[in-house]
């Protein structure tokens, strides 16, 4: 369960875990499209070595907009889905960066 704010949650399920590849995949099993305007969301996070003894994290996902039929309302169209997922990724990566830099 991912808690975005009090009372605002996303249910996720681990679908693949490959520690030797430093990779895992998950999918969203329950979310209100008012919270995240997407359906059929799945994602993968992969860590790989980077120059200078650093690491590179790649977070990729696939999803459909929140309204699967023709003529979606603006809050459930392709642009809304892309903007919401991009914001989720940005916030997640910023939180991870902060945690790493704080050493905790």
C-alpha atoms as a PDB file:
ATOM      1  CA  UNK A   1       0.000   0.000   0.000  1.00  0.00           C
ATOM      2  CA  UNK A   2       1.369   3.349  -1.062  1.00  0.00           C
ATOM      3  CA  UNK A   3       0.000   6.250   0.973  1.00  0.00           C
ATOM      4  CA  UNK A   4       0.131   9.541  -0.909  1.00  0.00           C
ATOM      5  CA  UNK A   5      -1.728  11.530   1.745  1.00  0.00           C
ATOM      6  CA  UNK A   6      -4.035  10.687   4.635  1.00  0.00           C
ATOM      7  CA  UNK A   7      -6.846   8.611   3.156  1.00  0.00           C
ATOM      8  CA  UNK A   8      -5.274   8.582  -0.313  1.00  0.00           C
ATOM      9  CA  UNK A   9      -3.778   5.189  -1.129  1.00  0.00           C
ATOM     10  CA  UNK A  10      -2.716   3.025  -4.044  1.00  0.00           C
ATOM     11  CA  UNK A  11      -2.667  -0.762  -3.739  1.00  0.00           C
ATOM     12  CA  UNK A  12       0.315  -2.365  -5.456  1.00  0.00           C
ATOM     13  CA  UNK A  13       1.475  -5.944  -5.955  1.00  0.00           C
ATOM     14  CA  UNK A  14       4.994  -7.217  -6.599  1.00  0.00           C
ATOM     15  CA  UNK A  15       4.917  -9.137  -9.870  1.00  0.00           C
ATOM     16  CA  UNK A  16       8.591  -9.945 -10.437  1.00  0.00           C
ATOM     17  CA  UNK A  17      11.698  -9.737  -8.255  1.00  0.00           C
ATOM     18  CA  UNK A  18      15.190 -10.397  -9.640  1.00  0.00           C
ATOM     19  CA  UNK A  19      17.815  -9.481  -7.030  1.00  0.00           C
ATOM     20  CA  UNK A  20      20.671 -10.739  -9.228  1.00  0.00           C
ATOM     21  CA  UNK A  21      19.525  -8.267 -11.915  1.00  0.00           C
ATOM     22  CA  UNK A  22      18.822  -5.524  -9.323  1.00  0.00           C
ATOM     23  CA  UNK A  23      15.315  -5.283 -10.709  1.00  0.00           C
ATOM     24  CA  UNK A  24      11.714  -5.616  -9.658  1.00  0.00           C
ATOM     25  CA  UNK A  25       8.338  -5.087 -11.276  1.00  0.00           C
ATOM     26  CA  UNK A  26       4.975  -4.280  -9.748  1.00  0.00           C
ATOM     27  CA  UNK A  27       1.454  -3.443 -10.796  1.00  0.00           C
ATOM     28  CA  UNK A  28      -1.306  -1.359  -9.318  1.00  0.00           C
ATOM     29  CA  UNK A  29      -4.199  -3.523  -8.225  1.00  0.00           C
ATOM     30  CA  UNK A  30      -6.491  -0.812  -6.840  1.00  0.00           C
ATOM     31  CA  UNK A  31      -6.565   2.955  -7.243  1.00  0.00           C
ATOM     32  CA  UNK A  32      -9.284   5.550  -7.612  1.00  0.00           C
ATOM     33  CA  UNK A  33      -8.887   7.252 -11.022  1.00  0.00           C
ATOM     34  CA  UNK A  34      -9.474  10.550  -9.195  1.00  0.00           C
ATOM     35  CA  UNK A  35      -6.195   9.884  -7.355  1.00  0.00           C
ATOM     36  CA  UNK A  36      -4.188   8.517 -10.294  1.00  0.00           C
ATOM     37  CA  UNK A  37      -6.043   8.707 -13.642  1.00  0.00           C
ATOM     38  CA  UNK A  38      -4.714   5.433 -15.072  1.00  0.00           C
ATOM     39  CA  UNK A  39      -5.780   1.828 -15.572  1.00  0.00           C
ATOM     40  CA  UNK A  40      -3.760  -1.351 -16.156  1.00  0.00           C
ATOM     41  CA  UNK A  41      -0.606   0.194 -14.684  1.00  0.00           C
ATOM     42  CA  UNK A  42       2.611  -1.822 -14.376  1.00  0.00           C
ATOM     43  CA  UNK A  43       6.136  -0.658 -13.723  1.00  0.00           C
ATOM     44  CA  UNK A  44       9.737  -1.843 -13.433  1.00  0.00           C
ATOM     45  CA  UNK A  45      12.666  -0.423 -11.488  1.00  0.00           C
ATOM     46  CA  UNK A  46      16.197  -1.435 -12.485  1.00  0.00           C
ATOM     47  CA  UNK A  47      19.530  -0.423 -10.983  1.00  0.00           C
ATOM     48  CA  UNK A  48      22.711  -0.597 -13.042  1.00  0.00           C
ATOM     49  CA  UNK A  49      26.317   0.513 -12.498  1.00  0.00           C
ATOM     50  CA  UNK A  50      27.264   4.004 -13.625  1.00  0.00           C
ATOM     51  CA  UNK A  51      30.690   5.642 -14.067  1.00  0.00           C
ATOM     52  CA  UNK A  52      32.529   6.776 -10.948  1.00  0.00           C
ATOM     53  CA  UNK A  53      31.240   3.994  -8.717  1.00  0.00           C
ATOM     54  CA  UNK A  54      27.736   5.370  -8.901  1.00  0.00           C
ATOM     55  CA  UNK A  55      24.455   3.699  -9.758  1.00  0.00           C
ATOM     56  CA  UNK A  56      21.745   4.487 -12.285  1.00  0.00           C
ATOM     57  CA  UNK A  57      18.074   3.858 -11.535  1.00  0.00           C
ATOM     58  CA  UNK A  58      15.655   3.400 -14.404  1.00  0.00           C
ATOM     59  CA  UNK A  59      11.935   3.468 -13.609  1.00  0.00           C
ATOM     60  CA  UNK A  60       9.666   2.624 -16.515  1.00  0.00           C
ATOM     61  CA  UNK A  61       5.967   2.003 -16.688  1.00  0.00           C
ATOM     62  CA  UNK A  62       3.078   1.159 -18.948  1.00  0.00           C
ATOM     63  CA  UNK A  63      -0.524   2.174 -18.446  1.00  0.00           C
ATOM     64  CA  UNK A  64      -3.746   3.248 -20.072  1.00  0.00           C
ATOM     65  CA  UNK A  65      -5.569   6.473 -19.402  1.00  0.00           C
ATOM     66  CA  UNK A  66      -8.215   6.510 -16.685  1.00  0.00           C
ATOM     67  CA  UNK A  67     -11.111   6.508 -19.157  1.00  0.00           C
ATOM     68  CA  UNK A  68     -10.641   3.626 -21.607  1.00  0.00           C
ATOM     69  CA  UNK A  69     -13.427   4.548 -24.056  1.00  0.00           C
ATOM     70  CA  UNK A  70     -13.485   7.203 -26.768  1.00  0.00           C
ATOM     71  CA  UNK A  71     -13.847  10.879 -25.894  1.00  0.00           C
ATOM     72  CA  UNK A  72     -12.490  10.827 -22.322  1.00  0.00           C
ATOM     73  CA  UNK A  73     -13.151  13.775 -20.040  1.00  0.00           C
ATOM     74  CA  UNK A  74     -10.068  16.023 -19.652  1.00  0.00           C
ATOM     75  CA  UNK A  75      -9.234  14.727 -16.168  1.00  0.00           C
ATOM     76  CA  UNK A  76      -9.065  11.122 -17.465  1.00  0.00           C
ATOM     77  CA  UNK A  77      -7.434  11.588 -20.888  1.00  0.00           C
ATOM     78  CA  UNK A  78      -3.941  10.601 -22.107  1.00  0.00           C
ATOM     79  CA  UNK A  79      -2.371  13.903 -21.080  1.00  0.00           C
ATOM     80  CA  UNK A  80      -3.793  13.674 -17.550  1.00  0.00           C
ATOM     81  CA  UNK A  81      -2.489  10.114 -17.177  1.00  0.00           C
ATOM     82  CA  UNK A  82       1.008  11.011 -18.394  1.00  0.00           C
ATOM     83  CA  UNK A  83       1.156  14.102 -16.173  1.00  0.00           C
ATOM     84  CA  UNK A  84       0.024  12.152 -13.094  1.00  0.00           C
ATOM     85  CA  UNK A  85       2.463   9.271 -13.592  1.00  0.00           C
ATOM     86  CA  UNK A  86       5.319  11.688 -14.335  1.00  0.00           C
ATOM     87  CA  UNK A  87       4.522  13.529 -11.103  1.00  0.00           C
ATOM     88  CA  UNK A  88       4.414  10.265  -9.168  1.00  0.00           C
ATOM     89  CA  UNK A  89       7.807   9.218 -10.586  1.00  0.00           C
ATOM     90  CA  UNK A  90       9.342  12.619  -9.894  1.00  0.00           C
ATOM     91  CA  UNK A  91       8.132  12.655  -6.284  1.00  0.00           C
ATOM     92  CA  UNK A  92       9.302   9.066  -5.757  1.00  0.00           C
ATOM     93  CA  UNK A  93      12.750   9.720  -7.206  1.00  0.00           C
ATOM     94  CA  UNK A  94      13.150  12.940  -5.216  1.00  0.00           C
ATOM     95  CA  UNK A  95      12.221  11.106  -2.002  1.00  0.00           C
ATOM     96  CA  UNK A  96      14.698   8.332  -2.800  1.00  0.00           C
ATOM     97  CA  UNK A  97      17.460  10.863  -3.555  1.00  0.00           C
ATOM     98  CA  UNK A  98      16.786  12.654  -0.263  1.00  0.00           C
ATOM     99  CA  UNK A  99      16.887   9.363   1.654  1.00  0.00           C
ATOM    100  CA  UNK A 100      20.169   8.319   0.023  1.00  0.00           C
ATOM    101  CA  UNK A 101      21.795  11.704   0.571  1.00  0.00           C
ATOM    102  CA  UNK A 102      20.748  11.741   4.240  1.00  0.00           C
ATOM    103  CA  UNK A 103      22.411   8.359   4.720  1.00  0.00           C
ATOM    104  CA  UNK A 104      19.335   6.749   6.297  1.00  0.00           C
END
